[in-house]
Amino acid sequence: MKRIVLIALGIFAIFCVASRAIAGSAGFDGKWDVLLVCPKSADGALPFTFEFPAEVKNAVLHGEYGTPGSPGWLALDGSIQPNGNAIMKTHGLTGHSAYNLNNTARGVPYMHPVTAHFDGSHGTGTWTAPRICNFTFTKM
């Protein structure tokens, strides 16, 4: 009988820990405002700022700036862990060449990894390839 009680308590403890992890990630669910700021680069590419909405559902973030498939479009996707750490990626199509490294033409596909951290209703992140750009996330 003691053994059955101990097994039941063990299963209950595992369930509690798993529930807490799921609830922690779900705490980030909702609508977010995303601000992306890229400074002027060493090669002369002009600075730019994008502001766009994103949604987190089941701890998975998705946001887009611009019109999908058109030059200047950007998508941001990734997962947020219960501790607030997030691994994401941006991908899209380059916009006006004056804002692109090496004067890259409009409409060229790109992808950049993004690392971020979320705390309650705020988050920050960075893409570091090939120029450093910063993200700020604000829960609406």
N, C-alpha and C. Protein backbone atom coordinates (compact mmCIF):
# COMPACT_ATOMS: atom_id res chain seq x y z
N MET A 1 0.83 -1.19 0.00
CA MET A 1 0.00 0.00 0.00
C MET A 1 0.87 1.25 0.00
N LYS A 2 1.93 1.22 0.84
CA LYS A 2 2.85 2.36 0.89
C LYS A 2 3.46 2.63 -0.48
N ARG A 3 3.78 1.56 -1.16
CA ARG A 3 4.41 1.68 -2.48
C ARG A 3 3.46 2.35 -3.48
N ILE A 4 2.19 2.01 -3.45
CA ILE A 4 1.19 2.60 -4.34
C ILE A 4 1.05 4.09 -4.05
N VAL A 5 1.04 4.46 -2.79
CA VAL A 5 0.94 5.87 -2.40
C VAL A 5 2.16 6.63 -2.90
N LEU A 6 3.35 6.06 -2.74
CA LEU A 6 4.57 6.73 -3.21
C LEU A 6 4.58 6.89 -4.72
N ILE A 7 4.12 5.87 -5.45
CA ILE A 7 4.05 5.97 -6.91
C ILE A 7 3.04 7.05 -7.31
N ALA A 8 1.90 7.08 -6.66
CA ALA A 8 0.89 8.10 -6.95
C ALA A 8 1.43 9.50 -6.67
N LEU A 9 2.13 9.67 -5.56
CA LEU A 9 2.73 10.97 -5.24
C LEU A 9 3.77 11.37 -6.28
N GLY A 10 4.55 10.40 -6.75
CA GLY A 10 5.55 10.68 -7.78
C GLY A 10 4.91 11.12 -9.08
N ILE A 11 3.85 10.44 -9.48
CA ILE A 11 3.13 10.82 -10.71
C ILE A 11 2.52 12.20 -10.55
N PHE A 12 1.96 12.48 -9.38
CA PHE A 12 1.37 13.80 -9.12
C PHE A 12 2.44 14.89 -9.21
N ALA A 13 3.62 14.65 -8.65
CA ALA A 13 4.71 15.64 -8.69
C ALA A 13 5.14 15.92 -10.12
N ILE A 14 5.26 14.87 -10.92
CA ILE A 14 5.65 15.04 -12.33
C ILE A 14 4.58 15.87 -13.06
N PHE A 15 3.31 15.57 -12.82
CA PHE A 15 2.21 16.31 -13.43
C PHE A 15 2.26 17.78 -13.04
N CYS A 16 2.53 18.07 -11.77
CA CYS A 16 2.60 19.47 -11.29
C CYS A 16 3.73 20.23 -11.97
N VAL A 17 4.90 19.60 -12.09
CA VAL A 17 6.04 20.26 -12.73
C VAL A 17 5.73 20.51 -14.20
N ALA A 18 5.17 19.51 -14.89
CA ALA A 18 4.83 19.67 -16.31
C ALA A 18 3.77 20.75 -16.49
N SER A 19 2.77 20.78 -15.63
CA SER A 19 1.72 21.80 -15.72
C SER A 19 2.29 23.19 -15.51
N ARG A 20 3.21 23.32 -14.58
CA ARG A 20 3.82 24.62 -14.30
C ARG A 20 4.63 25.09 -15.51
N ALA A 21 5.36 24.18 -16.16
CA ALA A 21 6.14 24.54 -17.35
C ALA A 21 5.22 24.99 -18.48
N ILE A 22 4.13 24.26 -18.68
CA ILE A 22 3.19 24.65 -19.74
C ILE A 22 2.56 26.00 -19.42
N ALA A 23 2.13 26.18 -18.19
CA ALA A 23 1.51 27.44 -17.78
C ALA A 23 2.49 28.59 -17.90
N GLY A 24 3.77 28.35 -17.59
CA GLY A 24 4.78 29.41 -17.70
C GLY A 24 4.93 29.90 -19.13
N SER A 25 4.97 28.98 -20.07
CA SER A 25 5.09 29.36 -21.48
C SER A 25 3.83 30.06 -21.96
N ALA A 26 2.68 29.54 -21.53
CA ALA A 26 1.42 30.12 -21.98
C ALA A 26 1.22 31.53 -21.44
N GLY A 27 1.95 31.90 -20.40
CA GLY A 27 1.87 33.25 -19.84
C GLY A 27 2.30 34.32 -20.84
N PHE A 28 2.99 33.92 -21.89
CA PHE A 28 3.42 34.88 -22.91
C PHE A 28 2.40 35.00 -24.04
N ASP A 29 1.38 34.15 -24.02
CA ASP A 29 0.37 34.17 -25.08
C ASP A 29 -0.34 35.52 -25.13
N GLY A 30 -0.67 35.95 -26.34
CA GLY A 30 -1.39 37.20 -26.53
C GLY A 30 -0.79 38.00 -27.67
N LYS A 31 -1.25 39.22 -27.81
CA LYS A 31 -0.79 40.12 -28.87
C LYS A 31 0.38 40.97 -28.35
N TRP A 32 1.38 41.14 -29.22
CA TRP A 32 2.59 41.88 -28.89
C TRP A 32 2.88 42.92 -29.96
N ASP A 33 3.48 44.02 -29.54
CA ASP A 33 4.01 45.01 -30.47
C ASP A 33 5.51 44.74 -30.59
N VAL A 34 6.01 44.69 -31.81
CA VAL A 34 7.43 44.41 -32.05
C VAL A 34 8.06 45.63 -32.70
N LEU A 35 9.19 46.06 -32.16
CA LEU A 35 9.96 47.16 -32.72
C LEU A 35 11.34 46.61 -33.10
N LEU A 36 11.70 46.71 -34.36
CA LEU A 36 13.00 46.27 -34.86
C LEU A 36 13.77 47.51 -35.27
N VAL A 37 14.97 47.70 -34.70
CA VAL A 37 15.81 48.87 -35.00
C VAL A 37 17.17 48.38 -35.49
N CYS A 38 17.50 48.77 -36.71
CA CYS A 38 18.80 48.43 -37.30
C CYS A 38 19.57 49.73 -37.55
N PRO A 39 20.75 49.88 -36.95
CA PRO A 39 21.52 51.11 -37.13
C PRO A 39 22.20 51.14 -38.51
N LYS A 40 22.75 52.28 -38.83
CA LYS A 40 23.54 52.39 -40.06
C LYS A 40 24.70 51.41 -39.95
N SER A 41 25.00 50.74 -41.06
CA SER A 41 26.08 49.75 -41.03
C SER A 41 27.39 50.36 -41.50
N ALA A 42 28.47 49.66 -41.22
CA ALA A 42 29.81 50.14 -41.58
C ALA A 42 29.97 50.35 -43.07
N ASP A 43 29.23 49.58 -43.89
CA ASP A 43 29.36 49.73 -45.35
C ASP A 43 28.46 50.84 -45.91
N GLY A 44 27.74 51.54 -45.00
CA GLY A 44 26.93 52.67 -45.44
C GLY A 44 25.45 52.37 -45.61
N ALA A 45 25.03 51.12 -45.40
CA ALA A 45 23.60 50.82 -45.49
C ALA A 45 22.87 51.67 -44.46
N LEU A 46 21.79 52.30 -44.89
CA LEU A 46 21.05 53.23 -44.04
C LEU A 46 20.35 52.52 -42.89
N PRO A 47 20.14 53.24 -41.78
CA PRO A 47 19.41 52.65 -40.66
C PRO A 47 17.92 52.53 -40.99
N PHE A 48 17.25 51.59 -40.32
CA PHE A 48 15.80 51.49 -40.51
C PHE A 48 15.15 50.99 -39.23
N THR A 49 13.84 51.25 -39.13
CA THR A 49 13.03 50.80 -38.01
C THR A 49 11.73 50.24 -38.56
N PHE A 50 11.38 49.05 -38.09
CA PHE A 50 10.09 48.44 -38.43
C PHE A 50 9.31 48.27 -37.13
N GLU A 51 8.02 48.59 -37.18
CA GLU A 51 7.14 48.29 -36.05
C GLU A 51 5.98 47.47 -36.61
N PHE A 52 5.69 46.35 -35.95
CA PHE A 52 4.65 45.46 -36.46
C PHE A 52 4.07 44.62 -35.33
N PRO A 53 2.85 44.09 -35.55
CA PRO A 53 2.23 43.25 -34.53
C PRO A 53 2.71 41.81 -34.63
N ALA A 54 2.63 41.12 -33.51
CA ALA A 54 2.93 39.69 -33.47
C ALA A 54 1.92 39.05 -32.51
N GLU A 55 1.77 37.76 -32.66
CA GLU A 55 0.91 37.03 -31.74
C GLU A 55 1.66 35.83 -31.21
N VAL A 56 1.50 35.59 -29.91
CA VAL A 56 2.06 34.39 -29.29
C VAL A 56 0.88 33.50 -28.93
N LYS A 57 0.93 32.26 -29.42
CA LYS A 57 -0.11 31.29 -29.12
C LYS A 57 0.57 29.99 -28.76
N ASN A 58 0.25 29.47 -27.57
CA ASN A 58 0.91 28.26 -27.06
C ASN A 58 2.42 28.43 -27.06
N ALA A 59 2.87 29.62 -26.70
CA ALA A 59 4.29 29.97 -26.57
C ALA A 59 5.03 30.04 -27.91
N VAL A 60 4.30 30.10 -29.02
CA VAL A 60 4.91 30.22 -30.35
C VAL A 60 4.57 31.60 -30.90
N LEU A 61 5.61 32.37 -31.23
CA LEU A 61 5.44 33.74 -31.74
C LEU A 61 5.46 33.76 -33.26
N HIS A 62 4.57 34.57 -33.84
CA HIS A 62 4.59 34.84 -35.28
C HIS A 62 4.19 36.30 -35.49
N GLY A 63 5.00 37.00 -36.28
CA GLY A 63 4.68 38.37 -36.65
C GLY A 63 5.18 38.65 -38.05
N GLU A 64 4.58 39.64 -38.71
CA GLU A 64 4.99 40.00 -40.06
C GLU A 64 4.95 41.50 -40.25
N TYR A 65 5.90 41.98 -41.03
CA TYR A 65 5.94 43.38 -41.45
C TYR A 65 5.84 43.38 -42.97
N GLY A 66 4.98 44.22 -43.52
CA GLY A 66 4.86 44.32 -44.97
C GLY A 66 3.93 43.27 -45.56
N THR A 67 3.99 43.16 -46.87
CA THR A 67 3.13 42.25 -47.62
C THR A 67 3.92 40.98 -47.96
N PRO A 68 3.43 39.81 -47.51
CA PRO A 68 4.16 38.57 -47.80
C PRO A 68 4.48 38.41 -49.28
N GLY A 69 5.74 38.08 -49.55
CA GLY A 69 6.19 37.86 -50.93
C GLY A 69 6.61 39.10 -51.67
N SER A 70 6.46 40.28 -51.04
CA SER A 70 6.85 41.54 -51.70
C SER A 70 8.16 42.05 -51.10
N PRO A 71 8.94 42.83 -51.87
CA PRO A 71 10.17 43.41 -51.32
C PRO A 71 9.88 44.21 -50.04
N GLY A 72 10.75 44.04 -49.06
CA GLY A 72 10.60 44.72 -47.78
C GLY A 72 9.82 43.93 -46.75
N TRP A 73 9.31 42.75 -47.13
CA TRP A 73 8.54 41.91 -46.21
C TRP A 73 9.48 41.19 -45.26
N LEU A 74 9.02 41.04 -44.00
CA LEU A 74 9.77 40.34 -42.98
C LEU A 74 8.81 39.50 -42.15
N ALA A 75 9.19 38.28 -41.83
CA ALA A 75 8.43 37.44 -40.92
C ALA A 75 9.34 37.07 -39.75
N LEU A 76 8.77 37.01 -38.56
CA LEU A 76 9.50 36.64 -37.34
C LEU A 76 8.76 35.47 -36.71
N ASP A 77 9.47 34.37 -36.48
CA ASP A 77 8.86 33.16 -35.93
C ASP A 77 9.78 32.51 -34.91
N GLY A 78 9.18 31.93 -33.87
CA GLY A 78 9.97 31.19 -32.90
C GLY A 78 9.18 30.81 -31.67
N SER A 79 9.83 30.08 -30.77
CA SER A 79 9.21 29.58 -29.55
C SER A 79 9.81 30.26 -28.33
N ILE A 80 8.96 30.50 -27.35
CA ILE A 80 9.38 31.09 -26.08
C ILE A 80 9.33 30.00 -25.01
N GLN A 81 10.43 29.79 -24.33
CA GLN A 81 10.51 28.78 -23.27
C GLN A 81 9.88 29.32 -21.99
N PRO A 82 9.52 28.46 -21.04
CA PRO A 82 8.92 28.92 -19.79
C PRO A 82 9.78 29.94 -19.03
N ASN A 83 11.12 29.86 -19.18
CA ASN A 83 12.01 30.82 -18.50
C ASN A 83 12.15 32.14 -19.25
N GLY A 84 11.45 32.28 -20.39
CA GLY A 84 11.48 33.52 -21.16
C GLY A 84 12.50 33.54 -22.29
N ASN A 85 13.41 32.59 -22.33
CA ASN A 85 14.38 32.54 -23.43
C ASN A 85 13.67 32.12 -24.72
N ALA A 86 14.09 32.71 -25.82
CA ALA A 86 13.46 32.41 -27.10
C ALA A 86 14.50 32.31 -28.20
N ILE A 87 14.31 31.36 -29.06
CA ILE A 87 15.13 31.21 -30.26
C ILE A 87 14.17 31.39 -31.42
N MET A 88 14.47 32.39 -32.24
CA MET A 88 13.58 32.72 -33.35
C MET A 88 14.40 32.92 -34.62
N LYS A 89 13.69 33.19 -35.69
CA LYS A 89 14.36 33.57 -36.94
C LYS A 89 13.51 34.60 -37.66
N THR A 90 14.20 35.48 -38.37
CA THR A 90 13.53 36.38 -39.29
C THR A 90 13.86 35.88 -40.69
N HIS A 91 12.91 36.00 -41.56
CA HIS A 91 13.16 35.73 -42.97
C HIS A 91 12.25 36.65 -43.77
N GLY A 92 12.67 36.91 -44.97
CA GLY A 92 11.87 37.80 -45.80
C GLY A 92 12.58 38.14 -47.08
N LEU A 93 12.21 39.31 -47.63
CA LEU A 93 12.78 39.79 -48.88
C LEU A 93 13.30 41.21 -48.65
N THR A 94 14.51 41.47 -49.13
CA THR A 94 15.11 42.78 -48.94
C THR A 94 14.25 43.87 -49.57
N GLY A 95 14.34 45.07 -48.98
CA GLY A 95 13.63 46.23 -49.49
C GLY A 95 14.57 47.08 -50.34
N HIS A 96 14.40 48.39 -50.28
CA HIS A 96 15.20 49.34 -51.06
C HIS A 96 16.69 49.11 -50.80
N SER A 97 17.50 49.07 -51.86
CA SER A 97 18.92 48.71 -51.76
C SER A 97 19.72 49.63 -50.84
N ALA A 98 19.33 50.89 -50.68
CA ALA A 98 20.08 51.81 -49.82
C ALA A 98 20.09 51.36 -48.36
N TYR A 99 19.13 50.52 -47.97
CA TYR A 99 19.03 50.04 -46.59
C TYR A 99 19.65 48.66 -46.40
N ASN A 100 20.15 48.08 -47.48
CA ASN A 100 20.69 46.72 -47.44
C ASN A 100 22.20 46.72 -47.45
N LEU A 101 22.79 45.79 -46.72
CA LEU A 101 24.24 45.64 -46.74
C LEU A 101 24.70 45.40 -48.17
N ASN A 102 25.84 45.98 -48.50
CA ASN A 102 26.44 45.84 -49.83
C ASN A 102 25.51 46.27 -50.96
N ASN A 103 24.56 47.16 -50.62
CA ASN A 103 23.61 47.64 -51.63
C ASN A 103 22.87 46.51 -52.34
N THR A 104 22.57 45.45 -51.61
CA THR A 104 21.88 44.29 -52.18
C THR A 104 20.56 44.74 -52.82
N ALA A 105 20.27 44.18 -53.96
CA ALA A 105 19.06 44.55 -54.72
C ALA A 105 17.79 44.23 -53.94
N ARG A 106 16.70 44.86 -54.33
CA ARG A 106 15.37 44.58 -53.75
C ARG A 106 14.94 43.15 -54.07
N GLY A 107 14.19 42.58 -53.13
CA GLY A 107 13.56 41.29 -53.39
C GLY A 107 14.43 40.07 -53.20
N VAL A 108 15.63 40.24 -52.62
CA VAL A 108 16.52 39.10 -52.38
C VAL A 108 16.13 38.43 -51.06
N PRO A 109 15.91 37.12 -51.05
CA PRO A 109 15.56 36.43 -49.81
C PRO A 109 16.70 36.48 -48.78
N TYR A 110 16.32 36.54 -47.50
CA TYR A 110 17.32 36.50 -46.41
C TYR A 110 16.71 35.76 -45.22
N MET A 111 17.59 35.36 -44.29
CA MET A 111 17.19 34.73 -43.05
C MET A 111 18.24 35.09 -42.01
N HIS A 112 17.79 35.51 -40.81
CA HIS A 112 18.70 35.82 -39.71
C HIS A 112 18.20 35.14 -38.44
N PRO A 113 19.10 34.50 -37.69
CA PRO A 113 18.70 33.96 -36.38
C PRO A 113 18.51 35.11 -35.39
N VAL A 114 17.59 34.92 -34.45
CA VAL A 114 17.31 35.92 -33.43
C VAL A 114 17.31 35.23 -32.07
N THR A 115 18.01 35.81 -31.11
CA THR A 115 17.91 35.35 -29.72
C THR A 115 17.19 36.43 -28.95
N ALA A 116 16.31 36.01 -28.03
CA ALA A 116 15.51 36.98 -27.29
C ALA A 116 15.24 36.46 -25.88
N HIS A 117 14.78 37.37 -25.04
CA HIS A 117 14.34 37.00 -23.70
C HIS A 117 13.10 37.81 -23.36
N PHE A 118 12.10 37.12 -22.82
CA PHE A 118 10.84 37.74 -22.43
C PHE A 118 10.69 37.68 -20.92
N ASP A 119 10.17 38.76 -20.35
CA ASP A 119 9.90 38.87 -18.92
C ASP A 119 8.52 39.47 -18.76
N GLY A 120 7.53 38.68 -18.43
CA GLY A 120 6.19 39.22 -18.25
C GLY A 120 5.64 39.83 -19.51
N SER A 121 5.54 41.17 -19.54
CA SER A 121 4.95 41.86 -20.69
C SER A 121 5.98 42.61 -21.52
N HIS A 122 7.25 42.25 -21.40
CA HIS A 122 8.33 42.94 -22.12
C HIS A 122 9.34 41.92 -22.60
N GLY A 123 10.01 42.23 -23.69
CA GLY A 123 11.08 41.36 -24.17
C GLY A 123 12.07 42.14 -25.00
N THR A 124 13.27 41.60 -25.12
CA THR A 124 14.30 42.19 -25.97
C THR A 124 14.98 41.06 -26.74
N GLY A 125 15.51 41.40 -27.90
CA GLY A 125 16.20 40.40 -28.71
C GLY A 125 17.16 41.05 -29.68
N THR A 126 17.96 40.20 -30.32
CA THR A 126 18.99 40.68 -31.25
C THR A 126 19.16 39.71 -32.40
N TRP A 127 19.36 40.28 -33.61
CA TRP A 127 19.91 39.46 -34.69
C TRP A 127 21.31 39.98 -34.91
N THR A 128 22.23 39.09 -35.13
CA THR A 128 23.63 39.50 -35.19
C THR A 128 24.30 39.20 -36.51
N ALA A 129 23.53 38.77 -37.49
CA ALA A 129 24.17 38.43 -38.75
C ALA A 129 23.44 39.12 -39.89
N PRO A 130 24.11 39.82 -40.71
CA PRO A 130 25.50 40.26 -40.61
C PRO A 130 25.66 41.60 -39.88
N ARG A 131 24.60 42.38 -39.65
CA ARG A 131 24.73 43.55 -38.78
C ARG A 131 23.84 43.35 -37.57
N ILE A 132 24.20 43.98 -36.49
CA ILE A 132 23.44 43.82 -35.25
C ILE A 132 22.20 44.71 -35.30
N CYS A 133 21.04 44.09 -35.12
CA CYS A 133 19.77 44.81 -35.05
C CYS A 133 19.06 44.37 -33.78
N ASN A 134 18.31 45.27 -33.17
CA ASN A 134 17.69 45.00 -31.88
C ASN A 134 16.17 44.99 -31.96
N PHE A 135 15.58 44.06 -31.23
CA PHE A 135 14.13 43.93 -31.12
C PHE A 135 13.68 44.34 -29.72
N THR A 136 12.54 45.01 -29.65
CA THR A 136 11.87 45.26 -28.39
C THR A 136 10.45 44.75 -28.54
N PHE A 137 10.00 43.97 -27.56
CA PHE A 137 8.66 43.37 -27.57
C PHE A 137 7.87 43.95 -26.41
N THR A 138 6.65 44.40 -26.68
CA THR A 138 5.77 44.92 -25.65
C THR A 138 4.41 44.27 -25.77
N LYS A 139 3.97 43.62 -24.69
CA LYS A 139 2.66 42.96 -24.74
C LYS A 139 1.56 44.00 -24.72
N MET A 140 0.58 43.81 -25.60
CA MET A 140 -0.52 44.78 -25.70
C MET A 140 -1.66 44.38 -24.76
